[in-house]
PDB file of N, CA and C in Angstrom:
ATOM      1  N   MET A   1      -4.505 -54.257  52.607  1.00  0.00           N
ATOM      2  CA  MET A   1      -4.696 -54.962  51.360  1.00  0.00           C
ATOM      3  C   MET A   1      -5.009 -53.967  50.272  1.00  0.00           C
ATOM      4  N   THR A   2      -4.411 -54.148  49.113  1.00  0.00           N
ATOM      5  CA  THR A   2      -4.712 -53.301  47.970  1.00  0.00           C
ATOM      6  C   THR A   2      -6.188 -53.473  47.624  1.00  0.00           C
ATOM      7  N   PRO A   3      -6.848 -52.390  47.210  1.00  0.00           N
ATOM      8  CA  PRO A   3      -8.282 -52.489  46.918  1.00  0.00           C
ATOM      9  C   PRO A   3      -8.551 -53.289  45.657  1.00  0.00           C
ATOM     10  N   VAL A   4      -8.545 -54.627  45.792  1.00  0.00           N
ATOM     11  CA  VAL A   4      -8.725 -55.496  44.627  1.00  0.00           C
ATOM     12  C   VAL A   4     -10.081 -55.291  43.954  1.00  0.00           C
ATOM     13  N   ALA A   5     -11.064 -54.805  44.694  1.00  0.00           N
ATOM     14  CA  ALA A   5     -12.380 -54.594  44.120  1.00  0.00           C
ATOM     15  C   ALA A   5     -12.364 -53.433  43.113  1.00  0.00           C
ATOM     16  N   ASP A   6     -11.407 -52.516  43.250  1.00  0.00           N
ATOM     17  CA  ASP A   6     -11.366 -51.325  42.413  1.00  0.00           C
ATOM     18  C   ASP A   6     -10.191 -51.288  41.436  1.00  0.00           C
ATOM     19  N   ASP A   7      -9.276 -52.235  41.513  1.00  0.00           N
ATOM     20  CA  ASP A   7      -8.048 -52.184  40.732  1.00  0.00           C
ATOM     21  C   ASP A   7      -7.894 -53.485  39.942  1.00  0.00           C
ATOM     22  N   ALA A   8      -8.029 -53.389  38.619  1.00  0.00           N
ATOM     23  CA  ALA A   8      -7.954 -54.583  37.763  1.00  0.00           C
ATOM     24  C   ALA A   8      -6.593 -55.256  37.852  1.00  0.00           C
ATOM     25  N   SER A   9      -5.533 -54.478  37.969  1.00  0.00           N
ATOM     26  CA  SER A   9      -4.196 -55.063  38.067  1.00  0.00           C
ATOM     27  C   SER A   9      -4.038 -55.832  39.372  1.00  0.00           C
ATOM     28  N   ALA A  10      -4.521 -55.244  40.467  1.00  0.00           N
ATOM     29  CA  ALA A  10      -4.443 -55.929  41.752  1.00  0.00           C
ATOM     30  C   ALA A  10      -5.256 -57.204  41.732  1.00  0.00           C
ATOM     31  N   ALA A  11      -6.440 -57.159  41.128  1.00  0.00           N
ATOM     32  CA  ALA A  11      -7.286 -58.343  41.016  1.00  0.00           C
ATOM     33  C   ALA A  11      -6.597 -59.440  40.214  1.00  0.00           C
ATOM     34  N   ALA A  12      -5.923 -59.054  39.134  1.00  0.00           N
ATOM     35  CA  ALA A  12      -5.215 -60.030  38.307  1.00  0.00           C
ATOM     36  C   ALA A  12      -4.092 -60.703  39.088  1.00  0.00           C
ATOM     37  N   ILE A  13      -3.386 -59.911  39.903  1.00  0.00           N
ATOM     38  CA  ILE A  13      -2.297 -60.472  40.717  1.00  0.00           C
ATOM     39  C   ILE A  13      -2.884 -61.430  41.745  1.00  0.00           C
ATOM     40  N   VAL A  14      -3.940 -61.015  42.429  1.00  0.00           N
ATOM     41  CA  VAL A  14      -4.542 -61.880  43.441  1.00  0.00           C
ATOM     42  C   VAL A  14      -5.058 -63.166  42.814  1.00  0.00           C
ATOM     43  N   GLU A  15      -5.725 -63.066  41.681  1.00  0.00           N
ATOM     44  CA  GLU A  15      -6.207 -64.261  41.005  1.00  0.00           C
ATOM     45  C   GLU A  15      -5.073 -65.198  40.627  1.00  0.00           C
ATOM     46  N   SER A  16      -3.946 -64.649  40.158  1.00  0.00           N
ATOM     47  CA  SER A  16      -2.781 -65.470  39.809  1.00  0.00           C
ATOM     48  C   SER A  16      -2.204 -66.177  41.032  1.00  0.00           C
ATOM     49  N   VAL A  17      -2.117 -65.466  42.139  1.00  0.00           N
ATOM     50  CA  VAL A  17      -1.599 -66.066  43.371  1.00  0.00           C
ATOM     51  C   VAL A  17      -2.539 -67.168  43.856  1.00  0.00           C
ATOM     52  N   VAL A  18      -3.840 -66.931  43.782  1.00  0.00           N
ATOM     53  CA  VAL A  18      -4.824 -67.942  44.192  1.00  0.00           C
ATOM     54  C   VAL A  18      -4.664 -69.194  43.322  1.00  0.00           C
ATOM     55  N   ARG A  19      -4.575 -69.000  42.005  1.00  0.00           N
ATOM     56  CA  ARG A  19      -4.431 -70.150  41.091  1.00  0.00           C
ATOM     57  C   ARG A  19      -3.118 -70.890  41.342  1.00  0.00           C
ATOM     58  N   LEU A  20      -2.036 -70.144  41.589  1.00  0.00           N
ATOM     59  CA  LEU A  20      -0.763 -70.781  41.878  1.00  0.00           C
ATOM     60  C   LEU A  20      -0.863 -71.623  43.150  1.00  0.00           C
ATOM     61  N   GLY A  21      -1.435 -71.029  44.209  1.00  0.00           N
ATOM     62  CA  GLY A  21      -1.616 -71.777  45.432  1.00  0.00           C
ATOM     63  C   GLY A  21      -2.413 -73.051  45.238  1.00  0.00           C
ATOM     64  N   HIS A  22      -3.503 -72.953  44.503  1.00  0.00           N
ATOM     65  CA  HIS A  22      -4.331 -74.136  44.256  1.00  0.00           C
ATOM     66  C   HIS A  22      -3.576 -75.165  43.418  1.00  0.00           C
ATOM     67  N   ALA A  23      -2.801 -74.705  42.429  1.00  0.00           N
ATOM     68  CA  ALA A  23      -2.031 -75.625  41.592  1.00  0.00           C
ATOM     69  C   ALA A  23      -0.996 -76.377  42.424  1.00  0.00           C
ATOM     70  N   LEU A  24      -0.522 -75.767  43.499  1.00  0.00           N
ATOM     71  CA  LEU A  24       0.429 -76.407  44.406  1.00  0.00           C
ATOM     72  C   LEU A  24      -0.254 -77.218  45.503  1.00  0.00           C
ATOM     73  N   GLY A  25      -1.583 -77.254  45.466  1.00  0.00           N
ATOM     74  CA  GLY A  25      -2.337 -78.033  46.445  1.00  0.00           C
ATOM     75  C   GLY A  25      -2.497 -77.334  47.775  1.00  0.00           C
ATOM     76  N   LEU A  26      -2.386 -76.015  47.792  1.00  0.00           N
ATOM     77  CA  LEU A  26      -2.469 -75.261  49.025  1.00  0.00           C
ATOM     78  C   LEU A  26      -3.845 -74.652  49.215  1.00  0.00           C
ATOM     79  N   VAL A  27      -4.178 -74.368  50.466  1.00  0.00           N
ATOM     80  CA  VAL A  27      -5.345 -73.586  50.824  1.00  0.00           C
ATOM     81  C   VAL A  27      -4.868 -72.147  50.857  1.00  0.00           C
ATOM     82  N   VAL A  28      -5.562 -71.268  50.133  1.00  0.00           N
ATOM     83  CA  VAL A  28      -5.137 -69.865  50.031  1.00  0.00           C
ATOM     84  C   VAL A  28      -5.919 -69.014  51.014  1.00  0.00           C
ATOM     85  N   VAL A  29      -5.181 -68.243  51.835  1.00  0.00           N
ATOM     86  CA  VAL A  29      -5.760 -67.381  52.848  1.00  0.00           C
ATOM     87  C   VAL A  29      -5.405 -65.934  52.531  1.00  0.00           C
ATOM     88  N   ALA A  30      -6.408 -65.085  52.432  1.00  0.00           N
ATOM     89  CA  ALA A  30      -6.192 -63.638  52.260  1.00  0.00           C
ATOM     90  C   ALA A  30      -6.133 -62.985  53.620  1.00  0.00           C
ATOM     91  N   GLU A  31      -5.127 -62.178  53.850  1.00  0.00           N
ATOM     92  CA  GLU A  31      -4.977 -61.469  55.109  1.00  0.00           C
ATOM     93  C   GLU A  31      -5.284 -59.991  54.923  1.00  0.00           C
ATOM     94  N   GLY A  32      -5.808 -59.387  55.958  1.00  0.00           N
ATOM     95  CA  GLY A  32      -6.030 -57.943  55.935  1.00  0.00           C
ATOM     96  C   GLY A  32      -7.309 -57.497  55.252  1.00  0.00           C
ATOM     97  N   VAL A  33      -8.327 -58.349  55.260  1.00  0.00           N
ATOM     98  CA  VAL A  33      -9.597 -57.995  54.623  1.00  0.00           C
ATOM     99  C   VAL A  33     -10.318 -56.972  55.502  1.00  0.00           C
ATOM    100  N   GLU A  34     -10.606 -55.812  54.922  1.00  0.00           N
ATOM    101  CA  GLU A  34     -11.187 -54.727  55.697  1.00  0.00           C
ATOM    102  C   GLU A  34     -12.566 -54.277  55.229  1.00  0.00           C
ATOM    103  N   THR A  35     -13.012 -54.741  54.068  1.00  0.00           N
ATOM    104  CA  THR A  35     -14.325 -54.300  53.557  1.00  0.00           C
ATOM    105  C   THR A  35     -15.098 -55.453  52.959  1.00  0.00           C
ATOM    106  N   ALA A  36     -16.404 -55.251  52.832  1.00  0.00           N
ATOM    107  CA  ALA A  36     -17.259 -56.265  52.208  1.00  0.00           C
ATOM    108  C   ALA A  36     -16.895 -56.441  50.734  1.00  0.00           C
ATOM    109  N   ASP A  37     -16.520 -55.351  50.070  1.00  0.00           N
ATOM    110  CA  ASP A  37     -16.122 -55.449  48.653  1.00  0.00           C
ATOM    111  C   ASP A  37     -14.868 -56.314  48.494  1.00  0.00           C
ATOM    112  N   GLN A  38     -13.915 -56.147  49.376  1.00  0.00           N
ATOM    113  CA  GLN A  38     -12.716 -56.983  49.297  1.00  0.00           C
ATOM    114  C   GLN A  38     -13.066 -58.438  49.505  1.00  0.00           C
ATOM    115  N   LEU A  39     -13.894 -58.741  50.496  1.00  0.00           N
ATOM    116  CA  LEU A  39     -14.281 -60.113  50.767  1.00  0.00           C
ATOM    117  C   LEU A  39     -15.026 -60.708  49.565  1.00  0.00           C
ATOM    118  N   SER A  40     -15.930 -59.963  48.988  1.00  0.00           N
ATOM    119  CA  SER A  40     -16.682 -60.432  47.829  1.00  0.00           C
ATOM    120  C   SER A  40     -15.763 -60.696  46.642  1.00  0.00           C
ATOM    121  N   THR A  41     -14.844 -59.782  46.412  1.00  0.00           N
ATOM    122  CA  THR A  41     -13.912 -59.967  45.273  1.00  0.00           C
ATOM    123  C   THR A  41     -13.026 -61.193  45.508  1.00  0.00           C
ATOM    124  N   LEU A  42     -12.526 -61.347  46.703  1.00  0.00           N
ATOM    125  CA  LEU A  42     -11.694 -62.514  47.013  1.00  0.00           C
ATOM    126  C   LEU A  42     -12.472 -63.817  46.817  1.00  0.00           C
ATOM    127  N   ARG A  43     -13.711 -63.815  47.228  1.00  0.00           N
ATOM    128  CA  ARG A  43     -14.557 -65.002  47.034  1.00  0.00           C
ATOM    129  C   ARG A  43     -14.697 -65.273  45.523  1.00  0.00           C
ATOM    130  N   ASP A  44     -14.974 -64.216  44.759  1.00  0.00           N
ATOM    131  CA  ASP A  44     -15.121 -64.378  43.296  1.00  0.00           C
ATOM    132  C   ASP A  44     -13.831 -64.847  42.641  1.00  0.00           C
ATOM    133  N   LEU A  45     -12.687 -64.483  43.185  1.00  0.00           N
ATOM    134  CA  LEU A  45     -11.412 -64.888  42.624  1.00  0.00           C
ATOM    135  C   LEU A  45     -10.961 -66.266  43.079  1.00  0.00           C
ATOM    136  N   GLY A  46     -11.776 -66.908  43.921  1.00  0.00           N
ATOM    137  CA  GLY A  46     -11.501 -68.294  44.326  1.00  0.00           C
ATOM    138  C   GLY A  46     -10.669 -68.465  45.581  1.00  0.00           C
ATOM    139  N   CYS A  47     -10.459 -67.408  46.329  1.00  0.00           N
ATOM    140  CA  CYS A  47      -9.714 -67.492  47.584  1.00  0.00           C
ATOM    141  C   CYS A  47     -10.468 -68.373  48.576  1.00  0.00           C
ATOM    142  N   ASP A  48      -9.749 -69.211  49.287  1.00  0.00           N
ATOM    143  CA  ASP A  48     -10.387 -70.201  50.172  1.00  0.00           C
ATOM    144  C   ASP A  48     -10.823 -69.623  51.516  1.00  0.00           C
ATOM    145  N   LEU A  49      -9.939 -68.866  52.147  1.00  0.00           N
ATOM    146  CA  LEU A  49     -10.195 -68.361  53.486  1.00  0.00           C
ATOM    147  C   LEU A  49      -9.763 -66.895  53.559  1.00  0.00           C
ATOM    148  N   ALA A  50     -10.253 -66.194  54.555  1.00  0.00           N
ATOM    149  CA  ALA A  50      -9.862 -64.799  54.736  1.00  0.00           C
ATOM    150  C   ALA A  50      -9.835 -64.464  56.206  1.00  0.00           C
ATOM    151  N   GLN A  51      -9.016 -63.475  56.532  1.00  0.00           N
ATOM    152  CA  GLN A  51      -8.991 -62.945  57.898  1.00  0.00           C
ATOM    153  C   GLN A  51      -8.778 -61.459  57.775  1.00  0.00           C
ATOM    154  N   GLY A  52      -9.194 -60.748  58.786  1.00  0.00           N
ATOM    155  CA  GLY A  52      -8.984 -59.312  58.775  1.00  0.00           C
ATOM    156  C   GLY A  52      -9.993 -58.589  59.647  1.00  0.00           C
ATOM    157  N   TYR A  53      -9.782 -57.319  59.739  1.00  0.00           N
ATOM    158  CA  TYR A  53     -10.578 -56.459  60.597  1.00  0.00           C
ATOM    159  C   TYR A  53     -12.069 -56.509  60.261  1.00  0.00           C
ATOM    160  N   TYR A  54     -12.392 -56.699  58.997  1.00  0.00           N
ATOM    161  CA  TYR A  54     -13.797 -56.764  58.595  1.00  0.00           C
ATOM    162  C   TYR A  54     -14.508 -57.968  59.215  1.00  0.00           C
ATOM    163  N   LEU A  55     -13.782 -59.071  59.362  1.00  0.00           N
ATOM    164  CA  LEU A  55     -14.367 -60.315  59.862  1.00  0.00           C
ATOM    165  C   LEU A  55     -14.363 -60.410  61.371  1.00  0.00           C
ATOM    166  N   ALA A  56     -13.326 -59.902  61.989  1.00  0.00           N
ATOM    167  CA  ALA A  56     -13.268 -59.957  63.464  1.00  0.00           C
ATOM    168  C   ALA A  56     -12.267 -58.931  63.947  1.00  0.00           C
ATOM    169  N   ARG A  57     -12.625 -58.217  64.995  1.00  0.00           N
ATOM    170  CA  ARG A  57     -11.760 -57.222  65.596  1.00  0.00           C
ATOM    171  C   ARG A  57     -10.725 -57.887  66.496  1.00  0.00           C
ATOM    172  N   PRO A  58      -9.584 -57.259  66.707  1.00  0.00           N
ATOM    173  CA  PRO A  58      -8.613 -57.814  67.641  1.00  0.00           C
ATOM    174  C   PRO A  58      -9.255 -57.962  69.041  1.00  0.00           C
ATOM    175  N   ALA A  59      -8.852 -59.006  69.734  1.00  0.00           N
ATOM    176  CA  ALA A  59      -9.411 -59.282  71.061  1.00  0.00           C
ATOM    177  C   ALA A  59      -8.399 -60.053  71.900  1.00  0.00           C
ATOM    178  N   PRO A  60      -8.584 -60.061  73.190  1.00  0.00           N
ATOM    179  CA  PRO A  60      -7.696 -60.845  74.065  1.00  0.00           C
ATOM    180  C   PRO A  60      -7.784 -62.350  73.742  1.00  0.00           C
ATOM    181  N   ALA A  61      -6.673 -63.037  73.916  1.00  0.00           N
ATOM    182  CA  ALA A  61      -6.615 -64.470  73.571  1.00  0.00           C
ATOM    183  C   ALA A  61      -7.740 -65.303  74.186  1.00  0.00           C
ATOM    184  N   PRO A  62      -8.077 -65.138  75.464  1.00  0.00           N
ATOM    185  CA  PRO A  62      -9.137 -65.969  76.036  1.00  0.00           C
ATOM    186  C   PRO A  62     -10.484 -65.799  75.324  1.00  0.00           C
ATOM    187  N   SER A  63     -10.720 -64.637  74.759  1.00  0.00           N
ATOM    188  CA  SER A  63     -11.990 -64.376  74.080  1.00  0.00           C
ATOM    189  C   SER A  63     -12.079 -65.056  72.728  1.00  0.00           C
ATOM    190  N   ILE A  64     -10.954 -65.356  72.111  1.00  0.00           N
ATOM    191  CA  ILE A  64     -11.013 -65.946  70.779  1.00  0.00           C
ATOM    192  C   ILE A  64     -10.792 -67.446  70.760  1.00  0.00           C
ATOM    193  N   LEU A  65     -10.476 -68.027  71.901  1.00  0.00           N
ATOM    194  CA  LEU A  65     -10.258 -69.483  71.940  1.00  0.00           C
ATOM    195  C   LEU A  65     -11.429 -70.288  71.379  1.00  0.00           C
ATOM    196  N   PRO A  66     -12.678 -69.949  71.716  1.00  0.00           N
ATOM    197  CA  PRO A  66     -13.780 -70.712  71.136  1.00  0.00           C
ATOM    198  C   PRO A  66     -13.827 -70.618  69.594  1.00  0.00           C
ATOM    199  N   ILE A  67     -13.465 -69.484  69.054  1.00  0.00           N
ATOM    200  CA  ILE A  67     -13.439 -69.330  67.602  1.00  0.00           C
ATOM    201  C   ILE A  67     -12.335 -70.175  66.991  1.00  0.00           C
ATOM    202  N   LEU A  68     -11.173 -70.156  67.623  1.00  0.00           N
ATOM    203  CA  LEU A  68     -10.039 -70.922  67.103  1.00  0.00           C
ATOM    204  C   LEU A  68     -10.268 -72.424  67.154  1.00  0.00           C
ATOM    205  N   ARG A  69     -11.110 -72.861  68.038  1.00  0.00           N
ATOM    206  CA  ARG A  69     -11.387 -74.302  68.167  1.00  0.00           C
ATOM    207  C   ARG A  69     -12.382 -74.796  67.122  1.00  0.00           C
ATOM    208  N   ARG A  70     -13.092 -73.865  66.476  1.00  0.00           N
ATOM    209  CA  ARG A  70     -14.035 -74.263  65.411  1.00  0.00           C
ATOM    210  C   ARG A  70     -13.269 -74.553  64.126  1.00  0.00           C
ATOM    211  N   PRO A  71     -13.804 -75.436  63.296  1.00  0.00           N
ATOM    212  CA  PRO A  71     -13.188 -75.661  61.983  1.00  0.00           C
ATOM    213  C   PRO A  71     -13.272 -74.369  61.155  1.00  0.00           C
ATOM    214  N   ALA A  72     -12.266 -74.164  60.309  1.00  0.00           N
ATOM    215  CA  ALA A  72     -12.263 -72.998  59.431  1.00  0.00           C
ATOM    216  C   ALA A  72     -13.416 -73.095  58.446  1.00  0.00           C
ATOM    217  N   ALA A  73     -14.077 -71.957  58.247  1.00  0.00           N
ATOM    218  CA  ALA A  73     -15.177 -71.902  57.285  1.00  0.00           C
ATOM    219  C   ALA A  73     -14.669 -71.259  55.996  1.00  0.00           C
ATOM    220  N   PRO A  74     -15.188 -71.665  54.842  1.00  0.00           N
ATOM    221  CA  PRO A  74     -14.806 -70.995  53.619  1.00  0.00           C
ATOM    222  C   PRO A  74     -15.285 -69.560  53.626  1.00  0.00           C
ATOM    223  N   ILE A  75     -14.700 -68.741  52.775  1.00  0.00           N
ATOM    224  CA  ILE A  75     -15.117 -67.340  52.693  1.00  0.00           C
ATOM    225  C   ILE A  75     -16.618 -67.280  52.451  1.00  0.00           C
ATOM    226  N   GLN A  76     -17.293 -66.474  53.233  1.00  0.00           N
ATOM    227  CA  GLN A  76     -18.719 -66.278  53.075  1.00  0.00           C
ATOM    228  C   GLN A  76     -19.077 -64.862  53.529  1.00  0.00           C
ATOM    229  N   ALA A  77     -20.285 -64.501  53.296  1.00  0.00           N
ATOM    230  CA  ALA A  77     -20.712 -63.156  53.678  1.00  0.00           C
ATOM    231  C   ALA A  77     -20.582 -62.973  55.181  1.00  0.00           C
ATOM    232  N   ARG A  78     -20.204 -61.803  55.604  1.00  0.00           N
ATOM    233  CA  ARG A  78     -20.005 -61.508  57.016  1.00  0.00           C
ATOM    234  C   ARG A  78     -21.257 -61.824  57.816  1.00  0.00           C
ATOM    235  N   GLU A  79     -22.413 -61.541  57.284  1.00  0.00           N
ATOM    236  CA  GLU A  79     -23.668 -61.799  57.984  1.00  0.00           C
ATOM    237  C   GLU A  79     -23.852 -63.270  58.317  1.00  0.00           C
ATOM    238  N   ASP A  80     -23.182 -64.164  57.558  1.00  0.00           N
ATOM    239  CA  ASP A  80     -23.317 -65.591  57.788  1.00  0.00           C
ATOM    240  C   ASP A  80     -22.344 -66.110  58.853  1.00  0.00           C
ATOM    241  N   LEU A  81     -21.374 -65.297  59.239  1.00  0.00           N
ATOM    242  CA  LEU A  81     -20.389 -65.724  60.198  1.00  0.00           C
ATOM    243  C   LEU A  81     -20.814 -65.397  61.619  1.00  0.00           C
ATOM    244  N   ASP A  82     -20.468 -66.287  62.528  1.00  0.00           N
ATOM    245  CA  ASP A  82     -20.728 -66.006  63.927  1.00  0.00           C
ATOM    246  C   ASP A  82     -19.368 -65.787  64.622  1.00  0.00           C
ATOM    247  N   LEU A  83     -18.836 -64.582  64.447  1.00  0.00           N
ATOM    248  CA  LEU A  83     -17.539 -64.254  65.007  1.00  0.00           C
ATOM    249  C   LEU A  83     -17.642 -63.243  66.144  1.00  0.00           C
ATOM    250  N   ARG A  84     -18.839 -63.089  66.682  1.00  0.00           N
ATOM    251  CA  ARG A  84     -18.993 -62.134  67.777  1.00  0.00           C
ATOM    252  C   ARG A  84     -18.183 -62.642  68.980  1.00  0.00           C
ATOM    253  N   LEU A  85     -17.523 -61.716  69.604  1.00  0.00           N
ATOM    254  CA  LEU A  85     -16.708 -62.059  70.760  1.00  0.00           C
ATOM    255  C   LEU A  85     -17.360 -61.556  72.035  1.00  0.00           C
ATOM    256  N   ASP A  86     -17.319 -62.367  73.076  1.00  0.00           N
ATOM    257  CA  ASP A  86     -17.834 -61.945  74.366  1.00  0.00           C
ATOM    258  C   ASP A  86     -16.663 -61.354  75.137  1.00  0.00           C
ATOM    259  N   LEU A  87     -16.587 -60.038  75.167  1.00  0.00           N
ATOM    260  CA  LEU A  87     -15.464 -59.372  75.797  1.00  0.00           C
ATOM    261  C   LEU A  87     -15.740 -58.941  77.233  1.00  0.00           C
ATOM    262  N   ASP A  88     -16.839 -59.390  77.771  1.00  0.00           N
ATOM    263  CA  ASP A  88     -17.180 -59.008  79.146  1.00  0.00           C
ATOM    264  C   ASP A  88     -16.375 -59.818  80.152  1.00  0.00           C
TER     265      ASP A  88
END
Protein backbone atom coordinates (compact mmCIF):
# COMPACT_ATOMS: atom_id res chain seq x y z
CA MET A 1 0.00 0.00 0.00
CA THR A 2 1.25 3.49 -0.81
CA PRO A 3 2.18 5.33 2.39
CA VAL A 4 -1.04 7.35 2.64
CA ALA A 5 0.05 8.71 6.01
CA ASP A 6 3.01 10.48 4.38
CA ASP A 7 1.74 11.32 0.89
CA ALA A 8 -1.00 13.96 0.43
CA SER A 9 -1.69 12.83 -3.15
CA ALA A 10 -2.10 9.20 -2.08
CA ALA A 11 -4.39 10.26 0.77
CA ALA A 12 -6.52 12.30 -1.65
CA ILE A 13 -6.87 9.31 -3.96
CA VAL A 14 -7.79 6.98 -1.10
CA GLU A 15 -10.33 9.46 0.25
CA SER A 16 -11.89 9.79 -3.23
CA VAL A 17 -12.14 6.01 -3.61
CA VAL A 18 -13.69 5.69 -0.13
CA ARG A 19 -16.27 8.40 -0.94
CA LEU A 20 -17.05 6.81 -4.30
CA GLY A 21 -17.56 3.43 -2.67
CA HIS A 22 -19.85 4.91 -0.04
CA ALA A 23 -21.79 6.87 -2.69
CA LEU A 24 -22.41 3.54 -4.44
CA GLY A 25 -23.59 1.97 -1.18
CA LEU A 26 -20.53 -0.23 -0.80
CA VAL A 27 -18.46 -1.21 2.22
CA VAL A 28 -14.90 -0.10 1.52
CA VAL A 29 -12.05 -2.46 2.47
CA ALA A 30 -8.39 -1.42 2.43
CA GLU A 31 -5.98 -4.23 1.63
CA GLY A 32 -2.31 -4.46 2.49
CA VAL A 33 -2.28 -2.44 5.71
CA GLU A 34 1.19 -2.82 7.18
CA THR A 35 1.58 -0.04 9.77
CA ALA A 36 -0.33 1.69 12.55
CA ASP A 37 -0.02 4.99 10.66
CA GLN A 38 -1.69 3.48 7.59
CA LEU A 39 -4.52 2.08 9.71
CA SER A 40 -5.01 5.40 11.49
CA THR A 41 -5.04 7.35 8.23
CA LEU A 42 -7.51 4.94 6.64
CA ARG A 43 -9.77 5.28 9.67
CA ASP A 44 -9.56 9.08 9.42
CA LEU A 45 -10.39 8.91 5.70
CA GLY A 46 -13.56 6.93 6.43
CA CYS A 47 -12.51 3.48 5.27
CA ASP A 48 -14.84 0.82 6.70
CA LEU A 49 -12.63 -2.26 7.01
CA ALA A 50 -8.99 -3.18 6.61
CA GLN A 51 -6.84 -6.25 6.23
CA GLY A 52 -3.14 -6.74 6.07
CA TYR A 53 0.01 -7.89 7.73
CA TYR A 54 -0.31 -5.30 10.50
CA LEU A 55 -3.64 -6.77 11.62
CA ALA A 56 -2.94 -10.47 11.24
CA ARG A 57 -0.07 -12.58 9.95
CA PRO A 58 -0.64 -15.29 7.35
CA ALA A 59 -1.64 -18.60 8.94
CA PRO A 60 -2.96 -22.04 8.01
CA ALA A 61 -6.67 -22.14 7.20
CA PRO A 62 -7.70 -24.17 10.28
CA SER A 63 -6.15 -21.51 12.52
CA ILE A 64 -8.16 -18.66 11.06
CA LEU A 65 -11.58 -20.30 10.87
CA PRO A 66 -12.66 -18.90 14.26
CA ILE A 67 -11.72 -15.41 13.10
CA LEU A 68 -13.59 -15.80 9.82
CA ARG A 69 -16.71 -16.89 11.66
CA ARG A 70 -16.83 -13.65 13.68
CA PRO A 71 -18.67 -10.63 12.30
CA ALA A 72 -16.39 -8.08 10.64
CA ALA A 73 -15.36 -5.26 12.96
CA PRO A 74 -14.93 -1.68 11.77
CA ILE A 75 -11.38 -0.36 11.56
CA GLN A 76 -10.04 0.13 15.05
CA ALA A 77 -6.75 0.28 16.84
CA ARG A 78 -4.77 -2.95 16.66
CA GLU A 79 -4.69 -3.15 20.45
CA ASP A 80 -8.51 -3.42 20.42
CA LEU A 81 -8.55 -6.38 18.06
CA ASP A 82 -8.37 -9.98 19.17
CA LEU A 83 -6.72 -11.52 16.11
CA ARG A 84 -4.20 -13.69 17.89
CA LEU A 85 -3.92 -17.06 16.25
CA ASP A 86 -3.32 -20.31 18.06
CA LEU A 87 -0.75 -21.95 15.80
CA ASP A 88 0.12 -24.82 18.12
